[in-house]
Structures are given as structure tokens and as C-alpha cells.
């Protein structure tokens, strides 16, 4: 009998509701987009659906712009792996922006691979130009917090 090949489908990508690592529910899509506002706590990424792949291993990587760590060294891409939990499984892979936003702008590339082959990939443009303009009250509040 021939081995069944897993099927991969990009279910959604863009801006999502906040995701909790320990939650069973995946975040919900708020907007399909590759243009991400550089705003603190904005959640973005993608959801990959895997069918007929229970038990297979997926490797992932989030390449971010040259973000310095606390010591000023450029952070390495975020990598890892995950095992598909059932035969019709959704996997969220994403990130969020933290302060200061000025060094988080640029291309953020999210890649998921199966057996060395890319099965999902999106590059997000995080930019302060994509952020909504603030009204006067929001500008004053933001300045006061700094």
C-alpha cells in the first residue's frame, strides 16, 4: 500500500487577535495582509492546515530584521520544530512587536518546511508607515509614557 502524502494549505495570513501560548484556541484572523503596522503587541503570522500528516515533523523559522538583543548583538532567527497532532491540524506561527518599535521595522519572513521542502512561506513588511495615524489624545498619551 502506498504511503499517504500529507497535504498542506495556507489557511490564512496577516494580522490576528492576541495569541496565548498555552491556549488551545488559535488566534482569529483580523485582516489578511502582508503590510503590518509597527505597533506594540500587534500579532501577525500565518495558519497552516495539514491533512493526512499526523505525527510528521515540521521545521519552522522566523527571520526578522536585524533586531539587537539587550547587549546590542543581532538576534538570530527564531527556529524550532513541531509534530502534527492529528490528521486535520491547524498550526499558527507568528510573532508580535515589542517596544521599541523603531528597530523592529523591515521584512519578517516566516517559513515552514517538511522534509527540507518549503510548504508555507510569507514575508511581512513591518513599517511605521503602515501604522494608523494617532489622534491628538493618543499622541499625548504616547509621549507621556516615554
N, C-alpha and C. Protein backbone atom coordinates (compact mmCIF):
# COMPACT_ATOMS: atom_id res chain seq x y z
N UNK A 1 0.84 -1.17 0.00
CA UNK A 1 0.00 0.00 0.00
C UNK A 1 0.89 1.25 0.00
N UNK A 2 0.56 2.20 -0.83
CA UNK A 2 1.35 3.42 -0.94
C UNK A 2 1.13 4.29 0.29
N UNK A 3 2.21 4.93 0.71
CA UNK A 3 2.13 5.83 1.86
C UNK A 3 1.39 7.11 1.45
N UNK A 4 0.47 7.55 2.30
CA UNK A 4 -0.31 8.75 2.03
C UNK A 4 0.56 9.97 2.28
N UNK A 5 0.56 10.88 1.31
CA UNK A 5 1.34 12.11 1.46
C UNK A 5 0.53 13.15 2.21
N UNK A 6 1.19 13.86 3.13
CA UNK A 6 0.47 14.94 3.81
C UNK A 6 0.12 16.06 2.83
N UNK A 7 -0.97 16.74 3.12
CA UNK A 7 -1.42 17.86 2.29
C UNK A 7 -1.32 19.13 3.12
N UNK A 8 -0.79 20.18 2.50
CA UNK A 8 -0.58 21.44 3.19
C UNK A 8 -1.37 22.54 2.50
N UNK A 9 -2.02 23.38 3.31
CA UNK A 9 -2.78 24.50 2.76
C UNK A 9 -2.61 25.70 3.69
N UNK A 10 -2.25 26.82 3.10
CA UNK A 10 -2.16 28.06 3.87
C UNK A 10 -3.58 28.54 4.13
N UNK A 11 -4.02 28.43 5.38
CA UNK A 11 -5.40 28.76 5.73
C UNK A 11 -5.62 30.27 5.82
N UNK A 12 -4.65 30.99 6.37
CA UNK A 12 -4.76 32.44 6.50
C UNK A 12 -3.40 33.02 6.83
N UNK A 13 -3.28 34.32 6.62
CA UNK A 13 -2.07 35.06 6.98
C UNK A 13 -2.43 36.52 7.17
N UNK A 14 -1.69 37.20 8.03
CA UNK A 14 -1.94 38.61 8.25
C UNK A 14 -1.90 38.97 9.72
N UNK A 15 -2.84 39.82 10.12
CA UNK A 15 -2.93 40.31 11.50
C UNK A 15 -4.00 39.50 12.23
N UNK A 16 -3.66 39.06 13.44
CA UNK A 16 -4.53 38.19 14.24
C UNK A 16 -4.84 38.82 15.60
N UNK A 17 -5.84 38.24 16.25
CA UNK A 17 -6.08 38.58 17.65
C UNK A 17 -4.88 38.08 18.46
N UNK A 18 -4.74 38.60 19.66
CA UNK A 18 -3.62 38.17 20.51
C UNK A 18 -3.69 36.67 20.77
N UNK A 19 -2.52 36.02 20.70
CA UNK A 19 -2.44 34.58 20.90
C UNK A 19 -1.76 34.30 22.22
N UNK A 20 -2.33 33.36 22.96
CA UNK A 20 -1.74 32.92 24.22
C UNK A 20 -1.10 31.56 23.99
N UNK A 21 0.17 31.45 24.31
CA UNK A 21 0.94 30.22 24.08
C UNK A 21 0.28 28.98 24.67
N UNK A 22 -0.35 29.13 25.81
CA UNK A 22 -0.93 27.98 26.49
C UNK A 22 -2.40 27.74 26.13
N UNK A 23 -2.96 28.57 25.26
CA UNK A 23 -4.37 28.43 24.87
C UNK A 23 -4.54 27.32 23.83
N UNK A 24 -5.67 26.64 23.89
CA UNK A 24 -5.97 25.62 22.89
C UNK A 24 -6.46 26.24 21.59
N UNK A 25 -7.11 27.40 21.70
CA UNK A 25 -7.66 28.06 20.52
C UNK A 25 -6.57 28.86 19.81
N UNK A 26 -6.62 28.82 18.49
CA UNK A 26 -5.70 29.62 17.70
C UNK A 26 -6.24 31.05 17.64
N UNK A 27 -5.36 32.01 17.38
CA UNK A 27 -5.86 33.38 17.23
C UNK A 27 -6.75 33.48 16.00
N UNK A 28 -7.60 34.48 15.98
CA UNK A 28 -8.51 34.69 14.86
C UNK A 28 -7.94 35.74 13.92
N UNK A 29 -8.12 35.52 12.63
CA UNK A 29 -7.65 36.49 11.64
C UNK A 29 -8.46 37.78 11.76
N UNK A 30 -7.77 38.90 11.80
CA UNK A 30 -8.43 40.20 11.82
C UNK A 30 -8.35 40.86 10.45
N UNK A 31 -7.20 40.65 9.76
CA UNK A 31 -7.01 41.26 8.45
C UNK A 31 -5.99 40.46 7.65
N UNK A 32 -6.37 40.10 6.42
CA UNK A 32 -5.44 39.45 5.51
C UNK A 32 -4.54 40.53 4.92
N UNK A 33 -3.26 40.49 5.24
CA UNK A 33 -2.33 41.50 4.74
C UNK A 33 -0.89 41.04 4.96
N UNK A 34 0.00 41.61 4.16
CA UNK A 34 1.43 41.43 4.37
C UNK A 34 2.05 42.71 4.91
N UNK A 35 1.27 43.79 4.97
CA UNK A 35 1.72 45.09 5.47
C UNK A 35 1.30 45.22 6.92
N UNK A 36 2.28 45.17 7.82
CA UNK A 36 2.00 45.13 9.25
C UNK A 36 2.40 46.45 9.89
N UNK A 37 1.48 47.09 10.61
CA UNK A 37 1.85 48.32 11.32
C UNK A 37 2.84 48.02 12.44
N UNK A 38 3.85 48.85 12.57
CA UNK A 38 4.83 48.70 13.65
C UNK A 38 4.21 49.28 14.92
N UNK A 39 3.40 48.45 15.58
CA UNK A 39 2.71 48.85 16.80
C UNK A 39 2.95 47.79 17.86
N UNK A 40 3.18 48.22 19.08
CA UNK A 40 3.42 47.30 20.19
C UNK A 40 2.25 46.34 20.33
N UNK A 41 2.56 45.07 20.50
CA UNK A 41 1.62 43.97 20.75
C UNK A 41 0.77 43.56 19.56
N UNK A 42 1.05 44.06 18.36
CA UNK A 42 0.29 43.58 17.19
C UNK A 42 0.77 42.16 16.88
N UNK A 43 -0.18 41.28 16.62
CA UNK A 43 0.09 39.87 16.37
C UNK A 43 -0.05 39.61 14.87
N UNK A 44 0.95 38.99 14.25
CA UNK A 44 0.88 38.69 12.83
C UNK A 44 1.54 37.36 12.55
N UNK A 45 1.17 36.76 11.44
CA UNK A 45 1.74 35.47 11.09
C UNK A 45 0.85 34.74 10.11
N UNK A 46 0.84 33.40 10.24
CA UNK A 46 0.05 32.58 9.32
C UNK A 46 -0.46 31.33 10.02
N UNK A 47 -1.50 30.75 9.44
CA UNK A 47 -2.02 29.47 9.90
C UNK A 47 -1.92 28.48 8.75
N UNK A 48 -1.25 27.38 9.01
CA UNK A 48 -1.08 26.30 8.04
C UNK A 48 -1.99 25.14 8.45
N UNK A 49 -2.77 24.64 7.49
CA UNK A 49 -3.59 23.45 7.73
C UNK A 49 -2.85 22.25 7.13
N UNK A 50 -2.75 21.18 7.93
CA UNK A 50 -2.10 19.95 7.49
C UNK A 50 -3.12 18.82 7.56
N UNK A 51 -3.34 18.16 6.44
CA UNK A 51 -4.22 16.99 6.40
C UNK A 51 -3.37 15.75 6.11
N UNK A 52 -3.78 14.63 6.68
CA UNK A 52 -3.11 13.34 6.47
C UNK A 52 -1.64 13.38 6.86
N UNK A 53 -1.35 14.09 7.96
CA UNK A 53 0.04 14.23 8.36
C UNK A 53 0.31 13.96 9.82
N UNK A 54 -0.60 13.27 10.49
CA UNK A 54 -0.42 13.02 11.92
C UNK A 54 0.95 12.40 12.19
N UNK A 55 1.68 13.04 13.11
CA UNK A 55 2.98 12.52 13.53
C UNK A 55 4.18 13.04 12.75
N UNK A 56 3.96 13.71 11.63
CA UNK A 56 5.10 14.22 10.86
C UNK A 56 5.71 15.43 11.58
N UNK A 57 6.97 15.67 11.29
CA UNK A 57 7.67 16.81 11.89
C UNK A 57 7.77 17.96 10.89
N UNK A 58 7.40 19.16 11.36
CA UNK A 58 7.57 20.37 10.57
C UNK A 58 8.66 21.22 11.23
N UNK A 59 9.53 21.80 10.42
CA UNK A 59 10.55 22.72 10.90
C UNK A 59 10.10 24.13 10.54
N UNK A 60 10.37 25.08 11.42
CA UNK A 60 9.95 26.45 11.13
C UNK A 60 11.06 27.44 11.48
N UNK A 61 10.95 28.60 10.85
CA UNK A 61 11.91 29.66 11.10
C UNK A 61 11.23 31.01 10.88
N UNK A 62 11.50 31.94 11.79
CA UNK A 62 11.06 33.32 11.62
C UNK A 62 12.32 34.16 11.49
N UNK A 63 12.53 34.67 10.27
CA UNK A 63 13.65 35.57 10.01
C UNK A 63 13.14 36.98 10.25
N UNK A 64 13.78 37.70 11.14
CA UNK A 64 13.35 39.06 11.42
C UNK A 64 14.45 40.04 11.00
N UNK A 65 14.10 41.32 10.89
CA UNK A 65 15.14 42.29 10.55
C UNK A 65 16.22 42.29 11.63
N UNK A 66 17.29 42.96 11.40
CA UNK A 66 18.42 42.95 12.34
C UNK A 66 18.07 43.61 13.67
N UNK A 67 17.40 42.85 14.51
CA UNK A 67 16.96 43.36 15.81
C UNK A 67 18.06 43.08 16.83
N UNK A 68 18.51 44.11 17.54
CA UNK A 68 19.53 43.87 18.56
C UNK A 68 18.93 43.31 19.85
N UNK A 69 19.70 42.45 20.53
CA UNK A 69 19.27 41.97 21.84
C UNK A 69 19.69 42.98 22.90
N UNK A 70 19.55 42.63 24.17
CA UNK A 70 19.87 43.55 25.27
C UNK A 70 21.32 44.02 25.25
N UNK A 71 22.22 43.17 24.71
CA UNK A 71 23.64 43.51 24.66
C UNK A 71 24.05 44.18 23.36
N UNK A 72 23.07 44.41 22.46
CA UNK A 72 23.37 45.06 21.20
C UNK A 72 23.75 44.11 20.08
N UNK A 73 23.76 42.79 20.36
CA UNK A 73 24.07 41.79 19.33
C UNK A 73 22.81 41.50 18.52
N UNK A 74 22.97 41.26 17.23
CA UNK A 74 21.84 40.95 16.36
C UNK A 74 21.26 39.59 16.75
N UNK A 75 19.96 39.56 16.97
CA UNK A 75 19.28 38.31 17.35
C UNK A 75 19.27 37.34 16.18
N UNK A 76 19.46 36.06 16.49
CA UNK A 76 19.38 35.01 15.48
C UNK A 76 17.92 34.77 15.10
N UNK A 77 17.67 34.22 13.92
CA UNK A 77 16.29 33.84 13.57
C UNK A 77 15.74 32.87 14.61
N UNK A 78 14.43 32.91 14.78
CA UNK A 78 13.74 32.03 15.72
C UNK A 78 13.41 30.73 15.00
N UNK A 79 13.95 29.62 15.46
CA UNK A 79 13.74 28.35 14.78
C UNK A 79 13.19 27.31 15.76
N UNK A 80 12.58 26.28 15.19
CA UNK A 80 12.08 25.19 16.01
C UNK A 80 11.41 24.14 15.15
N UNK A 81 10.81 23.18 15.83
CA UNK A 81 10.06 22.16 15.11
C UNK A 81 8.82 21.81 15.93
N UNK A 82 7.88 21.20 15.23
CA UNK A 82 6.62 20.83 15.86
C UNK A 82 6.11 19.57 15.16
N UNK A 83 5.46 18.71 15.93
CA UNK A 83 4.89 17.49 15.37
C UNK A 83 3.38 17.67 15.18
N UNK A 84 2.90 17.27 14.02
CA UNK A 84 1.48 17.39 13.68
C UNK A 84 0.70 16.46 14.61
N UNK A 85 -0.30 17.02 15.27
CA UNK A 85 -1.01 16.30 16.34
C UNK A 85 -2.16 15.42 15.87
N UNK A 86 -2.76 15.71 14.73
CA UNK A 86 -3.84 14.86 14.24
C UNK A 86 -3.93 14.96 12.71
N UNK A 87 -4.91 14.28 12.13
CA UNK A 87 -4.96 14.17 10.67
C UNK A 87 -5.59 15.38 9.97
N UNK A 88 -6.08 16.35 10.72
CA UNK A 88 -6.58 17.61 10.15
C UNK A 88 -6.24 18.69 11.17
N UNK A 89 -5.05 19.25 11.04
CA UNK A 89 -4.46 20.07 12.10
C UNK A 89 -4.12 21.46 11.60
N UNK A 90 -4.43 22.46 12.40
CA UNK A 90 -4.07 23.85 12.10
C UNK A 90 -2.94 24.28 13.03
N UNK A 91 -1.96 24.95 12.44
CA UNK A 91 -0.77 25.39 13.17
C UNK A 91 -0.57 26.88 12.93
N UNK A 92 -0.54 27.66 14.02
CA UNK A 92 -0.27 29.10 13.93
C UNK A 92 1.20 29.34 14.18
N UNK A 93 1.82 30.11 13.29
CA UNK A 93 3.20 30.54 13.50
C UNK A 93 3.23 32.04 13.27
N UNK A 94 3.64 32.76 14.27
CA UNK A 94 3.65 34.21 14.14
C UNK A 94 4.52 34.86 15.18
N UNK A 95 4.42 36.16 15.21
CA UNK A 95 5.21 36.95 16.15
C UNK A 95 4.43 38.20 16.51
N UNK A 96 5.01 38.96 17.40
CA UNK A 96 4.40 40.21 17.83
C UNK A 96 5.49 41.26 17.95
N UNK A 97 5.11 42.51 17.90
CA UNK A 97 6.06 43.61 18.00
C UNK A 97 6.12 44.08 19.45
N UNK A 98 7.33 44.35 19.94
CA UNK A 98 7.52 44.86 21.29
C UNK A 98 8.33 46.16 21.21
N UNK A 99 8.29 46.92 22.29
CA UNK A 99 8.98 48.21 22.32
C UNK A 99 10.50 48.00 22.41
N UNK A 100 11.27 48.87 21.81
CA UNK A 100 10.84 49.97 20.94
C UNK A 100 10.53 49.44 19.53
N UNK A 101 9.53 50.01 18.88
CA UNK A 101 9.13 49.53 17.56
C UNK A 101 10.11 49.97 16.46
N UNK A 102 10.86 51.03 16.72
CA UNK A 102 11.73 51.58 15.67
C UNK A 102 12.77 50.59 15.15
N UNK A 103 13.20 49.62 15.98
CA UNK A 103 14.19 48.64 15.49
C UNK A 103 13.55 47.32 15.08
N UNK A 104 12.22 47.29 14.97
CA UNK A 104 11.51 46.08 14.53
C UNK A 104 11.00 46.20 13.10
N UNK A 105 11.25 47.33 12.46
CA UNK A 105 10.72 47.53 11.11
C UNK A 105 11.58 46.80 10.09
N UNK A 106 10.92 46.41 9.01
CA UNK A 106 11.60 45.70 7.93
C UNK A 106 10.89 44.40 7.60
N UNK A 107 11.57 43.56 6.85
CA UNK A 107 10.99 42.29 6.40
C UNK A 107 11.10 41.21 7.47
N UNK A 108 9.96 40.60 7.78
CA UNK A 108 9.88 39.44 8.67
C UNK A 108 9.41 38.27 7.80
N UNK A 109 10.24 37.27 7.65
CA UNK A 109 9.90 36.14 6.79
C UNK A 109 9.62 34.91 7.66
N UNK A 110 8.47 34.30 7.42
CA UNK A 110 8.06 33.10 8.16
C UNK A 110 8.06 31.93 7.18
N UNK A 111 8.79 30.87 7.54
CA UNK A 111 8.93 29.70 6.68
C UNK A 111 8.64 28.43 7.47
N UNK A 112 7.84 27.54 6.86
CA UNK A 112 7.59 26.22 7.44
C UNK A 112 8.01 25.19 6.40
N UNK A 113 8.80 24.19 6.83
CA UNK A 113 9.30 23.16 5.92
C UNK A 113 8.89 21.77 6.40
N UNK A 114 8.75 20.88 5.42
CA UNK A 114 8.53 19.47 5.68
C UNK A 114 9.57 18.72 4.86
N UNK A 115 10.39 17.94 5.53
CA UNK A 115 11.46 17.17 4.88
C UNK A 115 12.32 18.06 3.97
N UNK A 116 12.66 19.25 4.44
CA UNK A 116 13.54 20.15 3.70
C UNK A 116 12.89 20.94 2.59
N UNK A 117 11.59 20.76 2.39
CA UNK A 117 10.88 21.49 1.34
C UNK A 117 9.93 22.50 1.98
N UNK A 118 9.92 23.72 1.44
CA UNK A 118 9.05 24.77 1.95
C UNK A 118 7.59 24.43 1.64
N UNK A 119 6.76 24.40 2.68
CA UNK A 119 5.32 24.13 2.50
C UNK A 119 4.48 25.37 2.78
N UNK A 120 5.07 26.37 3.44
CA UNK A 120 4.40 27.65 3.67
C UNK A 120 5.47 28.71 3.86
N UNK A 121 5.23 29.88 3.26
CA UNK A 121 6.19 30.98 3.39
C UNK A 121 5.49 32.29 3.10
N UNK A 122 5.71 33.27 3.95
CA UNK A 122 5.20 34.62 3.74
C UNK A 122 6.23 35.60 4.30
N UNK A 123 6.37 36.73 3.61
CA UNK A 123 7.22 37.81 4.10
C UNK A 123 6.34 39.01 4.41
N UNK A 124 6.43 39.47 5.63
CA UNK A 124 5.63 40.59 6.12
C UNK A 124 6.49 41.84 6.19
N UNK A 125 5.93 42.97 5.76
CA UNK A 125 6.61 44.25 5.82
C UNK A 125 6.11 45.00 7.04
N UNK A 126 6.94 45.02 8.09
CA UNK A 126 6.59 45.75 9.30
C UNK A 126 7.13 47.17 9.15
N UNK A 127 6.22 48.14 9.21
CA UNK A 127 6.61 49.52 8.95
C UNK A 127 5.79 50.48 9.78
N UNK A 128 6.46 51.53 10.21
CA UNK A 128 5.73 52.60 10.92
C UNK A 128 4.81 53.32 9.94
N UNK A 129 5.10 53.25 8.64
CA UNK A 129 4.23 53.85 7.62
C UNK A 129 2.89 53.14 7.55
N UNK A 130 2.86 51.85 7.95
CA UNK A 130 1.62 51.08 7.92
C UNK A 130 0.74 51.35 9.14
N UNK A 131 1.28 52.03 10.14
CA UNK A 131 0.53 52.31 11.37
C UNK A 131 -0.51 53.40 11.11
N UNK A 132 -1.63 53.27 11.80
CA UNK A 132 -2.68 54.28 11.66
C UNK A 132 -2.25 55.55 12.37
N UNK A 133 -2.57 56.71 11.78
CA UNK A 133 -2.22 57.96 12.45
C UNK A 133 -2.97 58.08 13.78
N UNK A 134 -2.30 58.65 14.75
CA UNK A 134 -2.89 58.80 16.07
C UNK A 134 -3.60 60.14 16.17
N UNK A 135 -4.73 60.15 16.91
CA UNK A 135 -5.37 61.44 17.17
C UNK A 135 -4.55 62.18 18.23
N UNK A 136 -4.91 63.42 18.50
CA UNK A 136 -4.11 64.25 19.42
C UNK A 136 -4.00 63.63 20.81
N UNK A 137 -5.11 63.09 21.33
CA UNK A 137 -5.08 62.48 22.66
C UNK A 137 -4.12 61.29 22.69
N UNK A 138 -4.19 60.43 21.67
CA UNK A 138 -3.31 59.27 21.62
C UNK A 138 -1.85 59.70 21.52
N UNK A 139 -1.57 60.75 20.75
CA UNK A 139 -0.19 61.25 20.63
C UNK A 139 0.32 61.74 21.98
N UNK A 140 -0.52 62.50 22.72
CA UNK A 140 -0.11 62.99 24.03
C UNK A 140 0.11 61.84 25.00
N UNK A 141 -0.79 60.86 24.98
CA UNK A 141 -0.66 59.70 25.86
C UNK A 141 0.62 58.94 25.57
N UNK A 142 0.90 58.73 24.29
CA UNK A 142 2.11 58.00 23.90
C UNK A 142 3.36 58.76 24.34
N UNK A 143 3.37 60.09 24.16
CA UNK A 143 4.53 60.89 24.57
C UNK A 143 4.73 60.83 26.08
N UNK A 144 3.62 60.84 26.83
CA UNK A 144 3.69 60.82 28.28
C UNK A 144 4.30 59.50 28.79
N UNK A 145 4.01 58.38 28.11
CA UNK A 145 4.51 57.07 28.53
C UNK A 145 6.00 56.93 28.30
N UNK A 146 6.58 57.68 27.38
CA UNK A 146 8.02 57.51 27.05
C UNK A 146 8.92 58.03 28.12
